[in-house]
Structures are given as C-alpha cells and as structure tokens.
Amino acid sequence: MSRIKLLLDVVEDLRSLADSLQAVATVFAENEPEDSVAVEEPAPQPPTISLESLRARLGEISRAGYTAAIHDLIQKYGATHLSTVDPKDYDSLLKEAEALANAS
C-alpha cells in the first residue's frame, strides 16, 4: 500500500471516530439527569399589604397605646422610620404588631 492510501485510511478512521463521539455526546445530552439541570430560584413574593395599608393599621395600633412597641418593631426590622422598612418585611411586621394589639 502506498503512503497516501494509508493517510486516507487514517483520515477516514478519524472521521468515523468523530461521528461516533458526536453520537455519544448527543445521547448523553438528551438523557442528562434532572438534578444536574440548573434550578432557578423562585422570584420573591411581593408583600400582600401596601405601605399605606400598613401605615394605617400601625397607626391604629399605636393610638391604642402601643406607640413605643411599634417603634421598637420598626427598629427590629433595621429601620428608623416605617418608610425605610424593606417591603418584604411588611407582612411579618404587621403580624407582630397585630399580636401586640391582640395580646391585651
């Protein structure tokens, strides 16, 4: 056999190998397990109460004699004023304030 024929055989074998590798990679990609797929974090739920509604309810509780307790709750959430409380904390802040009002 000539050297050129040998080289052509090697090239053909390499092409065949590449095709086989591509077929194997395709099968693996199609059968990839579910747990290795990136899972997106769920979007944070918006507060179910608006700042205005929260302000109104906290005002009622404050006027009922819980002004200092309401102020302490606001500080507990890392804020100095109600307007600086993180909106994601509105629901839990209201629950705690309601618990204060209902405790007596």
N, C-alpha and C. Protein backbone atom coordinates (compact mmCIF):
# COMPACT_ATOMS: atom_id res chain seq x y z
N MET A 1 0.82 -1.19 0.00
CA MET A 1 0.00 0.00 0.00
C MET A 1 0.86 1.24 0.00
N SER A 2 0.37 2.21 -0.66
CA SER A 2 1.13 3.45 -0.72
C SER A 2 0.87 4.26 0.55
N ARG A 3 1.76 5.17 0.77
CA ARG A 3 1.64 6.05 1.94
C ARG A 3 0.40 6.91 1.87
N ILE A 4 0.03 7.35 0.70
CA ILE A 4 -1.15 8.19 0.53
C ILE A 4 -2.40 7.40 0.88
N LYS A 5 -2.44 6.15 0.47
CA LYS A 5 -3.59 5.31 0.79
C LYS A 5 -3.69 5.12 2.30
N LEU A 6 -2.56 4.93 2.97
CA LEU A 6 -2.55 4.79 4.43
C LEU A 6 -3.06 6.07 5.11
N LEU A 7 -2.62 7.22 4.61
CA LEU A 7 -3.08 8.50 5.16
C LEU A 7 -4.58 8.68 4.95
N LEU A 8 -5.08 8.29 3.79
CA LEU A 8 -6.52 8.40 3.53
C LEU A 8 -7.31 7.48 4.46
N ASP A 9 -6.76 6.30 4.74
CA ASP A 9 -7.42 5.40 5.68
C ASP A 9 -7.45 5.99 7.10
N VAL A 10 -6.37 6.61 7.49
CA VAL A 10 -6.31 7.25 8.82
C VAL A 10 -7.34 8.38 8.90
N VAL A 11 -7.43 9.19 7.85
CA VAL A 11 -8.39 10.29 7.82
C VAL A 11 -9.81 9.74 7.92
N GLU A 12 -10.10 8.68 7.20
CA GLU A 12 -11.43 8.07 7.24
C GLU A 12 -11.74 7.54 8.64
N ASP A 13 -10.75 6.91 9.27
CA ASP A 13 -10.95 6.39 10.62
C ASP A 13 -11.20 7.54 11.62
N LEU A 14 -10.48 8.64 11.45
CA LEU A 14 -10.68 9.80 12.34
C LEU A 14 -12.08 10.39 12.17
N ARG A 15 -12.56 10.47 10.92
CA ARG A 15 -13.92 10.98 10.68
C ARG A 15 -14.96 10.05 11.31
N SER A 16 -14.73 8.76 11.20
CA SER A 16 -15.64 7.79 11.79
C SER A 16 -15.65 7.92 13.32
N LEU A 17 -14.47 8.09 13.89
CA LEU A 17 -14.36 8.28 15.33
C LEU A 17 -15.08 9.55 15.76
N ALA A 18 -14.91 10.65 15.02
CA ALA A 18 -15.57 11.91 15.35
C ALA A 18 -17.08 11.76 15.30
N ASP A 19 -17.59 11.06 14.29
CA ASP A 19 -19.04 10.83 14.19
C ASP A 19 -19.54 10.02 15.38
N SER A 20 -18.79 9.01 15.77
CA SER A 20 -19.18 8.19 16.91
C SER A 20 -19.20 9.00 18.20
N LEU A 21 -18.18 9.83 18.40
CA LEU A 21 -18.12 10.68 19.60
C LEU A 21 -19.29 11.67 19.64
N GLN A 22 -19.63 12.22 18.48
CA GLN A 22 -20.75 13.15 18.41
C GLN A 22 -22.06 12.45 18.76
N ALA A 23 -22.24 11.22 18.28
CA ALA A 23 -23.45 10.45 18.59
C ALA A 23 -23.54 10.16 20.08
N VAL A 24 -22.43 9.79 20.71
CA VAL A 24 -22.42 9.52 22.15
C VAL A 24 -22.73 10.79 22.93
N ALA A 25 -22.13 11.90 22.55
CA ALA A 25 -22.39 13.17 23.24
C ALA A 25 -23.85 13.58 23.12
N THR A 26 -24.46 13.35 21.97
CA THR A 26 -25.87 13.68 21.78
C THR A 26 -26.75 12.84 22.68
N VAL A 27 -26.45 11.56 22.80
CA VAL A 27 -27.23 10.68 23.67
C VAL A 27 -27.11 11.14 25.13
N PHE A 28 -25.90 11.47 25.55
CA PHE A 28 -25.71 11.94 26.92
C PHE A 28 -26.45 13.25 27.16
N ALA A 29 -26.43 14.15 26.21
CA ALA A 29 -27.12 15.43 26.37
C ALA A 29 -28.62 15.25 26.47
N GLU A 30 -29.18 14.31 25.72
CA GLU A 30 -30.62 14.07 25.76
C GLU A 30 -31.04 13.37 27.03
N ASN A 31 -30.16 12.57 27.62
CA ASN A 31 -30.51 11.79 28.80
C ASN A 31 -29.90 12.36 30.08
N GLU A 32 -29.57 13.63 30.08
CA GLU A 32 -28.97 14.24 31.26
C GLU A 32 -29.96 14.20 32.42
N PRO A 33 -29.52 13.81 33.60
CA PRO A 33 -30.43 13.72 34.75
C PRO A 33 -31.01 15.08 35.12
N GLU A 34 -32.21 15.06 35.68
CA GLU A 34 -32.92 16.29 36.05
C GLU A 34 -32.17 17.09 37.09
N ASP A 35 -31.54 16.42 38.06
CA ASP A 35 -30.91 17.13 39.16
C ASP A 35 -29.66 17.91 38.75
N SER A 36 -29.09 17.62 37.61
CA SER A 36 -27.91 18.36 37.18
C SER A 36 -28.28 19.61 36.39
N VAL A 37 -29.56 19.79 36.12
CA VAL A 37 -30.02 20.97 35.41
C VAL A 37 -30.11 22.12 36.42
N ALA A 38 -29.67 23.28 36.04
CA ALA A 38 -29.71 24.44 36.93
C ALA A 38 -31.16 24.76 37.28
N VAL A 39 -31.40 24.94 38.58
CA VAL A 39 -32.74 25.25 39.07
C VAL A 39 -32.79 26.73 39.38
N GLU A 40 -33.80 27.38 38.82
CA GLU A 40 -33.95 28.81 39.08
C GLU A 40 -34.62 29.01 40.43
N GLU A 41 -34.15 30.01 41.15
CA GLU A 41 -34.77 30.36 42.42
C GLU A 41 -36.11 31.01 42.14
N PRO A 42 -37.10 30.69 42.94
CA PRO A 42 -38.39 31.34 42.73
C PRO A 42 -38.28 32.84 43.03
N ALA A 43 -39.02 33.60 42.29
CA ALA A 43 -38.99 35.05 42.49
C ALA A 43 -39.58 35.36 43.86
N PRO A 44 -39.00 36.33 44.56
CA PRO A 44 -39.55 36.68 45.86
C PRO A 44 -40.98 37.18 45.72
N GLN A 45 -41.81 36.75 46.64
CA GLN A 45 -43.21 37.15 46.59
C GLN A 45 -43.34 38.61 47.04
N PRO A 46 -44.10 39.40 46.29
CA PRO A 46 -44.31 40.78 46.72
C PRO A 46 -45.16 40.80 47.99
N PRO A 47 -45.03 41.83 48.78
CA PRO A 47 -45.82 41.88 50.01
C PRO A 47 -47.31 41.90 49.67
N THR A 48 -48.10 41.30 50.54
CA THR A 48 -49.53 41.26 50.30
C THR A 48 -50.22 42.51 50.82
N ILE A 49 -49.45 43.36 51.48
CA ILE A 49 -50.01 44.59 52.03
C ILE A 49 -49.20 45.77 51.51
N SER A 50 -49.87 46.86 51.26
CA SER A 50 -49.18 48.06 50.76
C SER A 50 -48.65 48.87 51.94
N LEU A 51 -47.72 49.75 51.65
CA LEU A 51 -47.17 50.61 52.68
C LEU A 51 -48.27 51.46 53.31
N GLU A 52 -49.20 51.94 52.49
CA GLU A 52 -50.28 52.78 53.01
C GLU A 52 -51.17 52.01 53.98
N SER A 53 -51.50 50.77 53.61
CA SER A 53 -52.34 49.94 54.50
C SER A 53 -51.60 49.61 55.79
N LEU A 54 -50.32 49.30 55.66
CA LEU A 54 -49.51 49.01 56.84
C LEU A 54 -49.43 50.23 57.74
N ARG A 55 -49.20 51.38 57.13
CA ARG A 55 -49.11 52.63 57.90
C ARG A 55 -50.43 52.90 58.65
N ALA A 56 -51.57 52.69 57.98
CA ALA A 56 -52.87 52.93 58.60
C ALA A 56 -53.08 51.98 59.78
N ARG A 57 -52.80 50.70 59.60
CA ARG A 57 -53.02 49.73 60.67
C ARG A 57 -52.08 49.95 61.83
N LEU A 58 -50.82 50.26 61.54
CA LEU A 58 -49.87 50.53 62.63
C LEU A 58 -50.25 51.80 63.37
N GLY A 59 -50.81 52.77 62.67
CA GLY A 59 -51.29 53.98 63.31
C GLY A 59 -52.42 53.68 64.29
N GLU A 60 -53.33 52.81 63.90
CA GLU A 60 -54.42 52.41 64.80
C GLU A 60 -53.88 51.74 66.06
N ILE A 61 -52.93 50.83 65.85
CA ILE A 61 -52.35 50.11 66.99
C ILE A 61 -51.56 51.07 67.87
N SER A 62 -50.87 51.99 67.27
CA SER A 62 -50.11 52.98 68.02
C SER A 62 -51.03 53.86 68.86
N ARG A 63 -52.14 54.29 68.28
CA ARG A 63 -53.10 55.13 69.02
C ARG A 63 -53.77 54.36 70.15
N ALA A 64 -53.75 53.04 70.07
CA ALA A 64 -54.33 52.22 71.13
C ALA A 64 -53.36 52.05 72.30
N GLY A 65 -52.23 52.75 72.27
CA GLY A 65 -51.30 52.73 73.39
C GLY A 65 -50.04 51.94 73.17
N TYR A 66 -49.76 51.58 71.96
CA TYR A 66 -48.58 50.75 71.67
C TYR A 66 -47.53 51.50 70.84
N THR A 67 -47.43 52.80 71.02
CA THR A 67 -46.51 53.60 70.22
C THR A 67 -45.07 53.13 70.39
N ALA A 68 -44.63 52.94 71.62
CA ALA A 68 -43.25 52.52 71.88
C ALA A 68 -43.00 51.12 71.30
N ALA A 69 -43.96 50.23 71.44
CA ALA A 69 -43.80 48.88 70.92
C ALA A 69 -43.71 48.88 69.40
N ILE A 70 -44.52 49.71 68.75
CA ILE A 70 -44.47 49.82 67.29
C ILE A 70 -43.12 50.36 66.86
N HIS A 71 -42.64 51.37 67.57
CA HIS A 71 -41.33 51.95 67.26
C HIS A 71 -40.24 50.88 67.41
N ASP A 72 -40.33 50.07 68.47
CA ASP A 72 -39.35 49.00 68.68
C ASP A 72 -39.41 47.96 67.56
N LEU A 73 -40.63 47.64 67.11
CA LEU A 73 -40.77 46.69 65.99
C LEU A 73 -40.12 47.22 64.72
N ILE A 74 -40.34 48.48 64.44
CA ILE A 74 -39.74 49.08 63.24
C ILE A 74 -38.22 49.01 63.32
N GLN A 75 -37.67 49.29 64.50
CA GLN A 75 -36.22 49.21 64.68
C GLN A 75 -35.74 47.76 64.57
N LYS A 76 -36.56 46.81 65.00
CA LYS A 76 -36.20 45.40 64.90
C LYS A 76 -35.96 45.01 63.44
N TYR A 77 -36.67 45.64 62.53
CA TYR A 77 -36.51 45.35 61.10
C TYR A 77 -35.45 46.23 60.45
N GLY A 78 -34.60 46.84 61.26
CA GLY A 78 -33.45 47.57 60.74
C GLY A 78 -33.76 48.92 60.15
N ALA A 79 -34.85 49.52 60.58
CA ALA A 79 -35.25 50.82 60.02
C ALA A 79 -35.46 51.82 61.16
N THR A 80 -35.40 53.08 60.81
CA THR A 80 -35.68 54.12 61.79
C THR A 80 -37.09 54.67 61.61
N HIS A 81 -37.61 54.55 60.40
CA HIS A 81 -38.97 55.00 60.08
C HIS A 81 -39.66 53.90 59.29
N LEU A 82 -40.96 53.93 59.33
CA LEU A 82 -41.73 52.91 58.61
C LEU A 82 -41.42 52.93 57.12
N SER A 83 -41.18 54.09 56.56
CA SER A 83 -40.92 54.20 55.12
C SER A 83 -39.59 53.55 54.71
N THR A 84 -38.73 53.29 55.68
CA THR A 84 -37.44 52.67 55.34
C THR A 84 -37.41 51.16 55.62
N VAL A 85 -38.55 50.60 56.05
CA VAL A 85 -38.65 49.15 56.24
C VAL A 85 -38.67 48.49 54.86
N ASP A 86 -37.95 47.38 54.73
CA ASP A 86 -37.93 46.64 53.47
C ASP A 86 -39.32 46.09 53.18
N PRO A 87 -39.85 46.31 51.98
CA PRO A 87 -41.20 45.84 51.65
C PRO A 87 -41.42 44.34 51.87
N LYS A 88 -40.37 43.55 51.77
CA LYS A 88 -40.54 42.11 52.01
C LYS A 88 -40.87 41.82 53.47
N ASP A 89 -40.64 42.77 54.36
CA ASP A 89 -40.90 42.58 55.79
C ASP A 89 -42.27 43.11 56.22
N TYR A 90 -43.03 43.69 55.31
CA TYR A 90 -44.32 44.28 55.68
C TYR A 90 -45.24 43.27 56.34
N ASP A 91 -45.37 42.10 55.74
CA ASP A 91 -46.30 41.11 56.27
C ASP A 91 -45.93 40.66 57.68
N SER A 92 -44.66 40.36 57.90
CA SER A 92 -44.25 39.89 59.22
C SER A 92 -44.33 41.02 60.25
N LEU A 93 -44.03 42.25 59.83
CA LEU A 93 -44.15 43.39 60.74
C LEU A 93 -45.60 43.56 61.17
N LEU A 94 -46.52 43.46 60.25
CA LEU A 94 -47.94 43.59 60.58
C LEU A 94 -48.39 42.46 61.50
N LYS A 95 -47.94 41.25 61.26
CA LYS A 95 -48.32 40.13 62.12
C LYS A 95 -47.85 40.35 63.55
N GLU A 96 -46.62 40.82 63.70
CA GLU A 96 -46.11 41.07 65.04
C GLU A 96 -46.86 42.21 65.72
N ALA A 97 -47.19 43.24 64.95
CA ALA A 97 -47.94 44.37 65.52
C ALA A 97 -49.34 43.92 65.92
N GLU A 98 -49.97 43.10 65.08
CA GLU A 98 -51.30 42.58 65.42
C GLU A 98 -51.23 41.73 66.68
N ALA A 99 -50.17 40.97 66.84
CA ALA A 99 -50.01 40.14 68.03
C ALA A 99 -49.91 41.02 69.28
N LEU A 100 -49.24 42.16 69.17
CA LEU A 100 -49.15 43.09 70.29
C LEU A 100 -50.55 43.59 70.67
N ALA A 101 -51.31 44.00 69.68
CA ALA A 101 -52.63 44.56 69.92
C ALA A 101 -53.59 43.51 70.47
N ASN A 102 -53.44 42.27 70.03
CA ASN A 102 -54.36 41.22 70.45
C ASN A 102 -53.94 40.58 71.77
N ALA A 103 -52.72 40.86 72.23
CA ALA A 103 -52.21 40.24 73.45
C ALA A 103 -52.91 40.79 74.70
N SER A 104 -53.46 41.97 74.61
CA SER A 104 -54.08 42.54 75.81
C SER A 104 -55.56 42.41 75.83
